[in-house]
Protein backbone atom coordinates (compact mmCIF):
# COMPACT_ATOMS: atom_id res chain seq x y z
CA UNK A 1 0.10 0.17 -0.16
CA UNK A 2 2.61 2.56 1.02
CA UNK A 3 4.61 1.77 -2.77
CA UNK A 4 0.93 2.13 -4.28
CA UNK A 5 1.36 5.42 -3.04
CA UNK A 6 5.03 6.97 -3.59
CA UNK A 7 4.63 4.98 -6.91
CA UNK A 8 1.54 7.52 -7.85
CA UNK A 9 3.25 10.41 -8.25
CA UNK A 10 5.44 8.73 -10.49
CA UNK A 11 2.47 7.24 -12.35
CA UNK A 12 0.16 10.33 -12.71
CA UNK A 13 3.48 11.74 -14.30
CA UNK A 14 3.88 9.15 -16.61
CA UNK A 15 0.13 9.52 -17.40
CA UNK A 16 0.82 13.17 -18.34
CA UNK A 17 3.92 12.67 -20.32
CA UNK A 18 2.22 9.86 -22.38
CA UNK A 19 -0.69 12.11 -22.69
CA UNK A 20 1.03 15.12 -24.40
CA UNK A 21 3.12 13.18 -26.41
CA UNK A 22 -0.02 11.17 -28.05
CA UNK A 23 -1.38 14.49 -28.60
CA UNK A 24 1.60 15.93 -30.23
CA UNK A 25 1.28 13.04 -32.63
CA UNK A 26 -2.29 13.81 -33.16
CA UNK A 27 -1.78 17.50 -33.87
CA UNK A 28 1.52 16.50 -36.09
CA UNK A 29 -1.41 14.55 -38.24
CA UNK A 30 -3.58 16.92 -38.54
CA UNK A 31 -2.52 20.53 -37.29
CA UNK A 32 -4.12 22.89 -35.08
CA UNK A 33 -5.38 26.30 -36.57
CA UNK A 34 -3.76 29.56 -35.32
CA UNK A 35 -4.50 32.89 -33.32
CA UNK A 36 -4.08 36.36 -34.71
CA UNK A 37 -1.18 37.12 -32.67
CA UNK A 38 1.24 33.92 -33.59
CA UNK A 39 -0.44 34.36 -36.96
CA UNK A 40 1.41 37.79 -37.42
CA UNK A 41 4.58 36.35 -36.14
CA UNK A 42 4.27 34.06 -38.95
CA UNK A 43 3.57 36.63 -41.78
CA UNK A 44 7.24 38.01 -40.70
CA UNK A 45 8.65 34.80 -40.91
CA UNK A 46 7.36 34.76 -44.49
CA UNK A 47 8.65 37.94 -45.23
CA UNK A 48 12.53 36.45 -43.74
CA UNK A 49 11.52 33.55 -45.98
CA UNK A 50 11.52 35.41 -48.93
CA UNK A 51 14.46 37.32 -48.13
CA UNK A 52 13.78 40.20 -45.29
CA UNK A 53 15.21 41.19 -42.72
CA UNK A 54 15.41 39.25 -38.83
CA UNK A 55 12.10 40.47 -37.98
CA UNK A 56 10.78 42.65 -40.04
CA UNK A 57 7.22 42.63 -41.67
CA UNK A 58 7.34 43.17 -45.55
CA UNK A 59 3.91 44.26 -46.62
CA UNK A 60 2.71 46.63 -49.58
CA UNK A 61 2.72 50.26 -48.42
CA UNK A 62 -0.68 51.54 -47.96
CA UNK A 63 0.29 54.68 -49.34
CA UNK A 64 1.58 53.50 -52.78
CA UNK A 65 0.45 49.99 -53.75
CA UNK A 66 3.59 50.08 -56.22
CA UNK A 67 6.05 49.72 -53.01
CA UNK A 68 6.66 47.55 -50.26
CA UNK A 69 7.22 48.85 -46.52
CA UNK A 70 9.33 47.15 -44.11
CA UNK A 71 8.41 47.17 -40.18
CA UNK A 72 10.62 45.89 -37.56
CA UNK A 73 7.94 43.85 -35.53
CA UNK A 74 8.37 44.97 -31.74
CA UNK A 75 4.70 43.87 -30.68
CA UNK A 76 5.23 40.44 -29.71
CA UNK A 77 8.29 38.63 -29.11
CA UNK A 78 9.75 36.39 -31.66
CA UNK A 79 10.01 32.95 -30.16
CA UNK A 80 6.17 32.20 -31.92
CA UNK A 81 7.70 32.23 -34.92
CA UNK A 82 11.22 31.63 -34.83
CA UNK A 83 11.14 28.17 -32.86
CA UNK A 84 8.83 26.48 -35.49
CA UNK A 85 10.99 28.60 -38.08
CA UNK A 86 14.15 26.15 -36.72
CA UNK A 87 11.98 22.84 -37.21
CA UNK A 88 11.20 24.11 -40.43
CA UNK A 89 14.57 24.69 -41.50
CA UNK A 90 16.14 21.78 -39.28
CA UNK A 91 13.97 18.70 -40.49
CA UNK A 92 11.71 20.51 -43.76
CA UNK A 93 8.71 19.98 -41.91
CA UNK A 94 5.39 22.77 -43.21
CA UNK A 95 4.81 25.69 -40.56
CA UNK A 96 1.73 23.65 -39.07
CA UNK A 97 4.16 20.84 -38.36
CA UNK A 98 6.59 22.69 -37.10
CA UNK A 99 3.66 24.90 -34.57
CA UNK A 100 3.31 21.08 -33.47
CA UNK A 101 6.07 19.84 -32.70
CA UNK A 102 6.50 23.66 -30.80
CA UNK A 103 3.69 22.66 -28.69
CA UNK A 104 4.52 18.99 -27.70
CA UNK A 105 8.28 20.30 -26.50
CA UNK A 106 6.79 23.13 -25.14
CA UNK A 107 4.01 21.17 -22.85
CA UNK A 108 6.77 18.16 -21.87
CA UNK A 109 9.14 21.27 -20.54
CA UNK A 110 6.25 23.12 -18.69
CA UNK A 111 5.37 20.14 -16.76
CA UNK A 112 8.88 19.22 -16.01
CA UNK A 113 9.76 22.79 -15.31
CA UNK A 114 6.48 23.23 -12.64
CA UNK A 115 6.96 19.59 -11.30
CA UNK A 116 10.49 20.52 -10.51
CA UNK A 117 9.82 23.98 -8.74
CA UNK A 118 6.61 22.00 -7.04
CA UNK A 119 9.01 19.88 -5.36
CA UNK A 120 11.77 22.28 -4.63
CA UNK A 121 9.30 25.14 -3.06
CA UNK A 122 8.08 22.98 -0.44
CA UNK A 123 5.63 20.43 -1.56
CA UNK A 124 5.60 16.48 -1.64
CA UNK A 125 5.77 14.77 -4.71
CA UNK A 126 1.81 13.92 -4.89
CA UNK A 127 0.70 17.20 -4.30
CA UNK A 128 2.93 18.74 -6.85
CA UNK A 129 2.06 15.75 -9.45
CA UNK A 130 -1.77 16.33 -8.24
CA UNK A 131 -1.15 20.12 -8.78
CA UNK A 132 0.06 19.09 -12.85
CA UNK A 133 -3.18 16.75 -12.96
CA UNK A 134 -5.27 19.90 -12.23
CA UNK A 135 -3.17 22.22 -14.03
CA UNK A 136 -2.96 19.82 -17.42
CA UNK A 137 -7.40 19.30 -16.97
CA UNK A 138 -8.19 23.70 -17.49
CA UNK A 139 -8.75 24.69 -20.65
CA UNK A 140 -5.70 26.90 -21.68
CA UNK A 141 -3.88 23.95 -21.51
CA UNK A 142 -5.91 22.17 -24.30
CA UNK A 143 -6.17 25.33 -25.68
CA UNK A 144 -2.72 24.34 -28.42
CA UNK A 145 -3.84 21.73 -29.29
CA UNK A 146 -7.10 24.09 -31.27
CA UNK A 147 -5.22 26.84 -31.69
CA UNK A 148 -1.54 27.11 -31.82
CA UNK A 149 -1.42 30.11 -29.19
CA UNK A 150 2.40 31.20 -29.97
CA UNK A 151 3.87 32.93 -26.94
CA UNK A 152 1.58 31.45 -24.19
CA UNK A 153 2.54 28.06 -24.76
CA UNK A 154 6.18 29.15 -24.60
CA UNK A 155 6.09 30.45 -21.70
CA UNK A 156 4.37 27.88 -20.13
CA UNK A 157 7.89 26.01 -21.05
CA UNK A 158 9.75 28.89 -19.36
CA UNK A 159 7.91 29.63 -16.16
CA UNK A 160 8.16 26.46 -14.04
CA UNK A 161 12.37 26.75 -14.87
CA UNK A 162 12.40 30.30 -14.13
CA UNK A 163 10.85 29.46 -10.59
CA UNK A 164 13.28 26.54 -10.28
CA UNK A 165 15.99 28.56 -10.14
CA UNK A 166 14.33 31.39 -8.30
CA UNK A 167 14.17 28.81 -5.20
CA UNK A 168 17.15 27.07 -5.83
CA UNK A 169 20.06 29.35 -6.00
CA UNK A 170 21.19 30.19 -2.83
CA UNK A 171 24.50 31.95 -3.15
CA UNK A 172 25.76 34.79 -5.08
CA UNK A 173 28.35 34.52 -7.96
CA UNK A 174 28.90 33.90 -11.26
CA UNK A 175 25.84 31.69 -11.35
CA UNK A 176 23.32 34.08 -10.33
CA UNK A 177 24.66 36.61 -12.33
CA UNK A 178 24.27 34.21 -15.75
CA UNK A 179 20.93 32.75 -14.55
CA UNK A 180 19.37 36.80 -14.23
CA UNK A 181 21.16 37.42 -17.49
CA UNK A 182 19.94 34.15 -19.91
CA UNK A 183 16.66 34.17 -17.61
CA UNK A 184 15.80 37.82 -19.06
CA UNK A 185 16.48 37.44 -22.60
CA UNK A 186 15.09 34.02 -22.59
CA UNK A 187 12.00 34.82 -21.41
CA UNK A 188 11.71 37.76 -23.18
CA UNK A 189 12.10 35.79 -26.22
CA UNK A 190 9.12 33.58 -25.56
CA UNK A 191 7.02 36.30 -24.74
CA UNK A 192 6.99 40.24 -23.79
CA UNK A 193 4.62 40.61 -21.48
CA UNK A 194 7.64 38.19 -19.03
CA UNK A 195 8.60 41.64 -18.06
CA UNK A 196 6.47 41.65 -15.05
CA UNK A 197 7.12 38.03 -14.21
CA UNK A 198 10.62 39.10 -14.56
CA UNK A 199 10.72 41.66 -12.18
CA UNK A 200 8.31 39.60 -9.63
CA UNK A 201 10.33 36.67 -9.61
CA UNK A 202 13.99 38.96 -9.23
CA UNK A 203 12.49 40.51 -6.48
CA UNK A 204 11.32 37.48 -4.55
CA UNK A 205 15.10 36.03 -5.22
CA UNK A 206 16.66 39.27 -3.91
CA UNK A 207 14.30 38.74 -0.83
CA UNK A 208 14.65 35.37 -0.06
CA UNK A 209 18.35 35.35 -0.01
CA UNK A 210 18.81 38.51 1.82
CA UNK A 211 16.52 36.26 4.94
CA UNK A 212 19.17 34.26 4.92
CA UNK A 213 22.01 36.91 5.28
CA UNK A 214 22.67 40.34 7.83
CA UNK A 215 20.66 43.16 6.64
CA UNK A 216 23.83 44.63 5.29
CA UNK A 217 24.23 42.15 2.43
CA UNK A 218 20.91 43.02 1.50
CA UNK A 219 22.53 45.97 -1.23
CA UNK A 220 24.89 43.20 -1.90
CA UNK A 221 22.59 40.69 -2.83
CA UNK A 222 20.69 43.88 -4.93
CA UNK A 223 23.70 44.44 -7.00
CA UNK A 224 24.11 41.14 -7.47
CA UNK A 225 20.75 40.97 -8.63
CA UNK A 226 20.15 43.83 -10.25
CA UNK A 227 23.06 44.97 -12.57
CA UNK A 228 22.78 41.80 -14.68
CA UNK A 229 18.82 42.36 -15.26
CA UNK A 230 19.51 45.62 -15.88
CA UNK A 231 22.21 44.79 -19.00
CA UNK A 232 19.47 42.23 -20.03
CA UNK A 233 16.44 44.26 -20.27
CA UNK A 234 18.70 47.23 -21.47
CA UNK A 235 20.18 45.31 -24.29
CA UNK A 236 16.02 44.02 -24.93
CA UNK A 237 15.15 47.44 -25.31
CA UNK A 238 17.70 48.60 -27.29
CA UNK A 239 17.86 46.07 -29.67
CA UNK A 240 14.15 45.11 -29.85
CA UNK A 241 11.89 47.30 -28.61
CA UNK A 242 13.29 50.66 -29.46
CA UNK A 243 12.69 50.06 -32.85
CA UNK A 244 8.93 50.08 -32.74
CA UNK A 245 5.79 50.36 -30.74
CA UNK A 246 4.53 47.78 -27.78
CA UNK A 247 1.03 46.97 -25.96
CA UNK A 248 3.18 48.81 -23.10
CA UNK A 249 4.32 51.88 -25.16
CA UNK A 250 0.66 53.11 -26.22
CA UNK A 251 -1.86 55.06 -23.94
CA UNK A 252 -5.28 56.44 -23.90
CA UNK A 253 -4.36 58.50 -20.52
CA UNK A 254 -6.14 57.45 -17.22
CA UNK A 255 -9.76 56.29 -16.41
CA UNK A 256 -10.89 55.14 -13.40
CA UNK A 257 -12.96 52.24 -14.07
CA UNK A 258 -13.82 49.21 -11.23
CA UNK A 259 -12.94 46.53 -13.91
CA UNK A 260 -9.63 48.10 -13.45
CA UNK A 261 -8.75 47.08 -10.23
CA UNK A 262 -11.26 44.17 -9.70
CA UNK A 263 -9.96 41.72 -12.53
CA UNK A 264 -6.34 42.05 -11.21
CA UNK A 265 -7.47 40.94 -7.61
CA UNK A 266 -9.88 38.52 -9.17
CA UNK A 267 -6.86 36.42 -10.84
CA UNK A 268 -6.27 33.60 -8.52
CA UNK A 269 -9.77 32.32 -9.84
CA UNK A 270 -10.28 33.83 -13.26
CA UNK A 271 -7.13 31.72 -14.26
CA UNK A 272 -6.47 29.12 -11.84
CA UNK A 273 -9.95 28.06 -11.90
CA UNK A 274 -10.55 28.25 -15.83
CA UNK A 275 -13.32 31.11 -15.04
CA UNK A 276 -12.46 33.76 -17.27
CA UNK A 277 -12.25 31.08 -20.42
CA UNK A 278 -15.20 29.23 -19.57
CA UNK A 279 -17.34 32.53 -19.13
CA UNK A 280 -15.52 33.06 -23.31
CA UNK A 281 -14.34 36.24 -21.22
CA UNK A 282 -15.93 37.99 -18.74
CA UNK A 283 -15.27 41.77 -20.22
CA UNK A 284 -12.58 41.13 -23.25
CA UNK A 285 -14.86 38.68 -24.92
CA UNK A 286 -13.59 35.46 -27.09
CA UNK A 287 -17.23 34.74 -28.43
CA UNK A 288 -20.64 34.91 -26.79
CA UNK A 289 -21.00 37.12 -24.22
CA UNK A 290 -22.43 35.22 -21.32
CA UNK A 291 -22.34 38.28 -18.78
CA UNK A 292 -23.56 41.74 -19.60
CA UNK A 293 -21.17 44.59 -18.55
CA UNK A 294 -22.73 44.79 -15.37
CA UNK A 295 -23.49 41.32 -14.31
CA UNK A 296 -19.60 41.27 -15.18
CA UNK A 297 -18.56 43.68 -13.25
CA UNK A 298 -20.40 42.14 -9.63
CA UNK A 299 -19.07 39.00 -10.50
CA UNK A 300 -15.81 40.09 -10.90
CA UNK A 301 -16.46 42.32 -7.64
CA UNK A 302 -17.18 38.89 -6.06
CA UNK A 303 -14.15 36.61 -7.28
CA UNK A 304 -11.56 39.50 -6.03
CA UNK A 305 -13.23 39.31 -2.30
CA UNK A 306 -12.72 35.39 -2.92
CA UNK A 307 -9.44 35.74 -4.12
CA UNK A 308 -8.19 37.74 -1.44
CA UNK A 309 -9.90 35.16 0.78
CA UNK A 310 -8.24 31.78 -0.98
CA UNK A 311 -4.44 33.57 -0.99
CA UNK A 312 -5.06 34.43 2.68
CA UNK A 313 -6.05 31.25 2.87
CA UNK A 314 -3.23 29.04 1.57
CA UNK A 315 -0.57 31.46 2.85
CA UNK A 316 -1.57 30.79 6.60
CA UNK A 317 -2.13 26.72 5.62
CA UNK A 318 1.67 26.09 3.85
CA UNK A 319 4.43 25.62 6.14
CA UNK A 320 7.36 26.79 3.57
CA UNK A 321 8.19 30.15 3.97
CA UNK A 322 9.73 30.24 0.60
CA UNK A 323 6.44 29.60 -0.92
CA UNK A 324 4.46 32.36 1.33
CA UNK A 325 7.00 34.54 0.22
CA UNK A 326 6.72 33.94 -3.39
CA UNK A 327 2.73 34.07 -3.63
CA UNK A 328 2.55 37.40 -1.78
CA UNK A 329 5.33 38.99 -4.30
CA UNK A 330 3.88 37.97 -7.50
CA UNK A 331 0.01 38.50 -6.26
CA UNK A 332 1.01 42.14 -5.11
CA UNK A 333 3.24 42.30 -8.19
CA UNK A 334 0.86 41.68 -10.62
CA UNK A 335 -2.44 43.76 -9.12
CA UNK A 336 0.30 46.62 -8.86
CA UNK A 337 1.31 46.21 -12.35
CA UNK A 338 -1.79 45.90 -14.14
CA UNK A 339 -4.20 48.20 -11.88
CA UNK A 340 -2.27 50.71 -13.40
CA UNK A 341 -1.54 49.61 -17.06
CA UNK A 342 -5.67 49.23 -16.79
CA UNK A 343 -5.94 52.14 -15.93
CA UNK A 344 -3.67 54.12 -18.16
CA UNK A 345 -5.88 52.37 -20.64
CA UNK A 346 -2.87 50.74 -22.20
CA UNK A 347 -3.78 48.06 -25.10
CA UNK A 348 -3.34 45.18 -22.93
CA UNK A 349 -6.62 43.37 -23.05
CA UNK A 350 -8.48 42.21 -19.83
CA UNK A 351 -7.81 38.12 -19.96
CA UNK A 352 -6.88 35.59 -17.70
CA UNK A 353 -3.71 34.58 -19.31
CA UNK A 354 -1.70 37.50 -18.35
CA UNK A 355 -2.12 36.13 -15.31
CA UNK A 356 -1.27 32.65 -15.93
CA UNK A 357 1.69 32.68 -13.75
CA UNK A 358 -0.90 33.57 -10.57
CA UNK A 359 -3.26 30.56 -11.18
CA UNK A 360 -0.19 28.15 -11.33
CA UNK A 361 1.22 29.46 -8.40
CA UNK A 362 -1.39 28.99 -6.42
CA UNK A 363 -2.52 25.25 -7.62
CA UNK A 364 -0.42 23.30 -5.09
CA UNK A 365 -1.44 25.94 -2.36
CA UNK A 366 -4.92 24.90 -2.67
CA UNK A 367 -4.35 21.41 -2.81
CA UNK A 368 -2.34 21.28 0.36
CA UNK A 369 -4.79 23.61 2.28
CA UNK A 370 -7.26 21.39 1.04
CA UNK A 371 -5.78 18.23 2.28
CA UNK A 372 -5.76 19.80 5.87
CA UNK A 373 -9.08 21.10 6.70
CA UNK A 374 -11.67 18.88 8.34
CA UNK A 375 -14.55 19.41 6.36
CA UNK A 376 -14.87 16.96 4.14
CA UNK A 377 -17.35 19.33 1.84
CA UNK A 378 -14.18 21.50 0.90
CA UNK A 379 -12.91 18.41 -0.98
CA UNK A 380 -16.15 17.12 -2.31
CA UNK A 381 -16.86 21.11 -3.92
CA UNK A 382 -13.40 21.13 -5.12
CA UNK A 383 -13.89 17.47 -6.81
CA UNK A 384 -16.80 18.96 -8.50
CA UNK A 385 -15.41 21.80 -9.86
CA UNK A 386 -12.62 19.67 -11.11
CA UNK A 387 -14.63 17.28 -12.93
CA UNK A 388 -16.56 20.27 -14.57
CA UNK A 389 -13.35 21.61 -15.80
CA UNK A 390 -12.34 18.68 -17.20
CA UNK A 391 -15.11 17.94 -19.17
CA UNK A 392 -15.37 21.60 -20.38
CA UNK A 393 -11.71 20.73 -21.37
CA UNK A 394 -12.31 17.40 -22.69
CA UNK A 395 -15.38 18.29 -25.14
CA UNK A 396 -13.60 21.63 -26.38
CA UNK A 397 -10.50 19.51 -27.59
CA UNK A 398 -12.73 16.88 -29.37
CA UNK A 399 -14.99 19.55 -31.16
CA UNK A 400 -11.57 21.62 -31.84
CA UNK A 401 -9.62 19.03 -33.44
CA UNK A 402 -12.78 17.73 -35.07
CA UNK A 403 -13.39 20.89 -36.50
CA UNK A 404 -9.61 20.93 -37.48
CA UNK A 405 -9.63 17.69 -39.20
CA UNK A 406 -12.86 17.77 -41.61
CA UNK A 407 -14.07 21.17 -42.06
CA UNK A 408 -11.19 23.63 -41.65
CA UNK A 409 -9.52 24.30 -45.22
CA UNK A 410 -5.74 23.56 -45.29
CA UNK A 411 -2.75 25.08 -47.95
CA UNK A 412 0.91 24.52 -48.06
CA UNK A 413 0.93 26.16 -44.43
CA UNK A 414 -0.39 22.77 -43.33
CA UNK A 415 -2.25 25.42 -40.45
CA UNK A 416 -5.75 24.55 -40.69
CA UNK A 417 -7.43 27.35 -42.04
CA UNK A 418 -11.20 28.30 -40.28
CA UNK A 419 -11.48 31.49 -41.92
CA UNK A 420 -11.97 29.43 -45.49
CA UNK A 421 -13.38 26.73 -46.82
CA UNK A 422 -10.99 24.27 -49.05
CA UNK A 423 -12.77 25.35 -52.23
CA UNK A 424 -12.47 28.85 -52.07
CA UNK A 425 -9.13 28.18 -50.46
CA UNK A 426 -7.71 26.01 -53.52
CA UNK A 427 -9.94 28.90 -56.02
CA UNK A 428 -7.25 31.11 -54.72
CA UNK A 429 -3.94 28.43 -54.53
CA UNK A 430 -4.49 27.99 -58.77
CA UNK A 431 -4.75 31.87 -58.70
CA UNK A 432 -1.01 32.75 -57.13
CA UNK A 433 0.44 30.08 -59.01
CA UNK A 434 -0.82 32.04 -62.12
CA UNK A 435 0.27 35.20 -61.13
CA UNK A 436 3.45 37.03 -60.55
CA UNK A 437 2.15 40.44 -60.25
CA UNK A 438 -1.02 40.62 -57.86
CA UNK A 439 -2.26 41.46 -54.70
CA UNK A 440 -4.36 39.16 -52.87
CA UNK A 441 -6.07 41.02 -49.68
CA UNK A 442 -7.44 38.66 -46.91
CA UNK A 443 -9.44 39.57 -43.81
CA UNK A 444 -7.35 37.16 -41.92
CA UNK A 445 -3.95 37.43 -40.53
CA UNK A 446 -3.19 33.67 -41.48
CA UNK A 447 -4.65 33.49 -44.56
CA UNK A 448 -1.68 35.33 -46.35
CA UNK A 449 0.82 32.40 -45.64
CA UNK A 450 -0.51 30.41 -48.26
CA UNK A 451 0.11 32.96 -50.77
CA UNK A 452 3.56 31.86 -52.13
CA UNK A 453 4.41 34.20 -55.40
CA UNK A 454 2.64 37.48 -54.79
CA UNK A 455 2.45 39.83 -52.04
CA UNK A 456 -0.44 40.06 -49.54
CA UNK A 457 -2.39 42.77 -47.68
CA UNK A 458 -3.94 42.12 -44.65
CA UNK A 459 -6.78 44.25 -43.21
CA UNK A 460 -8.24 43.94 -40.39
CA UNK A 461 -11.72 42.28 -39.80
CA UNK A 462 -14.36 44.45 -39.42
CA UNK A 463 -16.86 44.03 -36.79
CA UNK A 464 -20.92 43.64 -36.77
CA UNK A 465 -20.79 47.75 -35.15
CA UNK A 466 -19.21 48.58 -38.11
CA UNK A 467 -17.28 50.55 -36.26
CA UNK A 468 -14.89 51.43 -38.78
CA UNK A 469 -11.33 54.24 -39.22
CA UNK A 470 -11.13 54.45 -42.98
CA UNK A 471 -7.48 55.77 -42.52
CA UNK A 472 -6.97 52.30 -40.89
CA UNK A 473 -7.93 50.54 -44.38
CA UNK A 474 -7.29 52.99 -47.07
CA UNK A 475 -5.07 51.38 -49.53
CA UNK A 476 -3.20 54.40 -52.29
CA UNK A 477 -2.04 53.82 -55.62
CA UNK A 478 -2.44 50.45 -58.40
CA UNK A 479 -0.07 47.31 -58.73
CA UNK A 480 -0.71 44.76 -60.82
CA UNK A 481 -4.31 42.79 -60.34
CA UNK A 482 -6.06 42.60 -57.36
CA UNK A 483 -7.58 40.15 -55.78
CA UNK A 484 -10.14 40.24 -52.95
CA UNK A 485 -11.16 37.42 -51.01
CA UNK A 486 -13.85 38.14 -48.43
CA UNK A 487 -16.59 35.60 -46.32
CA UNK A 488 -20.05 35.64 -47.69
CA UNK A 489 -21.20 37.74 -44.57
CA UNK A 490 -19.19 40.85 -45.55
CA UNK A 491 -22.12 41.41 -48.16
CA UNK A 492 -23.44 44.52 -47.94
CA UNK A 493 -21.71 47.22 -45.92
CA UNK A 494 -18.77 45.59 -45.14
CA UNK A 495 -17.76 44.81 -48.47
CA UNK A 496 -18.41 48.08 -50.06
CA UNK A 497 -16.28 49.90 -47.80
CA UNK A 498 -13.40 47.18 -48.28
CA UNK A 499 -13.88 47.82 -52.12
CA UNK A 500 -13.95 51.63 -51.70
CA UNK A 501 -10.34 51.17 -49.86
CA UNK A 502 -8.57 50.79 -52.58
CA UNK A 503 -9.91 54.00 -54.72
CA UNK A 504 -7.19 53.53 -57.67
CA UNK A 505 -9.17 50.04 -58.78
CA UNK A 506 -12.01 50.10 -61.04
CA UNK A 507 -13.65 47.95 -62.62
CA UNK A 508 -14.41 45.71 -60.33
CA UNK A 509 -15.56 41.69 -60.80
CA UNK A 510 -17.26 39.72 -58.52
CA UNK A 511 -17.09 35.70 -58.40
CA UNK A 512 -18.50 32.94 -56.13
CA UNK A 513 -15.16 30.97 -54.60
CA UNK A 514 -17.71 28.61 -52.41
CA UNK A 515 -21.03 28.68 -51.54
CA UNK A 516 -19.52 30.86 -48.38
CA UNK A 517 -16.50 32.99 -49.87
CA UNK A 518 -16.58 35.88 -52.74
CA UNK A 519 -13.74 36.76 -54.78
CA UNK A 520 -13.58 40.70 -56.01
CA UNK A 521 -10.99 40.94 -58.87
CA UNK A 522 -9.82 44.18 -60.39
CA UNK A 523 -6.68 44.35 -63.20
């Protein structure tokens, strides 16, 4: 009985690794679709493959389509396309298969990193493995098997090992300097939003190291950690961020709002229990909104109160002082950082994924707390919540994988193209083969990846509210044949607006590529 108990953590981890490998094989055979952010990264990769410079997006110039314009893309980190690009170069797979390999590698690294971290910070192998099983049941863990999410999956691979390093290092020296320096570069390579997590992790590391020594050494420890951190961040700024805009560089001014305060405070439950994912986004909707704006604010207030109660309970129950410090530092840092960002109306969406690390580090504390409570009702309630999250995730991945395999179109990239059907995509690919001086226009970021021989203009999709800024769409000049591919749902005002955005083209001819997609042509 004791042997079985001791072997249970190994069995759980073996099951998780096996599940990741099996799912990895499945998506290698039928690669997933892709979210807009990494799709923009793959557009940069396409430009690089066609001879453009590093991290440069080459597109037709909106002021004069006869020319091209080059933009150094700083809005997103480069890892989301460079890791798949490495697989493409090394083993010759297509973009979809390279994405599948990236997902599998990152999931395995993430599970290993967080398991090592949970054990290092004081949790038993059983609590650590059960925590990962709970994490793997959540929707964010299975999303990459339906949509490649770029920086999110790379960040998961990085964070566990970063936190392990912040917990394992006990002395100052060259090892500490190298860790701080490389952690900044690797973390930013994975995802640019890692900056606040990097700062919180180093603050935790400094406070932990300093607690082991006389107060006179606190400044010395700060120097050992601060100097390589400054070098890391300054180099990132000089060689990357300074070359363009990023979400933190754009602000619409200060605006007081309850959601700007409640959303960060509620992050442990929003991100740790898939609440924001399962509700299609309480504030930033990723599907049909379930709650009205007023209902969402009320729910956020309740979740903020419950999150504070949960954090307090976890910190009181878990005996390890390093874990207590870690939870406090990261929770307080996230609340301060995001409250300021949201109040300043920076272009950072109200999504729980930005707080994922809070949910990840809280999970083992919650399981430990439940193991100590005397009333079984709490464990039963948690078990029901766990089962509900797991069932929803299974439904999500089954439906998503089935849709990608049976309904999504596929072209040269291998990516499941959900924004077009196969018949229409085949027509587009045939036109691309026939032309060498044409421009293809899409309202989807990933469809341009199927164009090999011609230039591509990607316009922002138009919402049903028709809130449109003409300056964002106008394209001047005339440069060879123009093909605009639109979903049939654009018929009417949206379609007319798109055609109007190319004032130098006349004599439009429309033809149905399929029952659901139309192409407008002007030569």
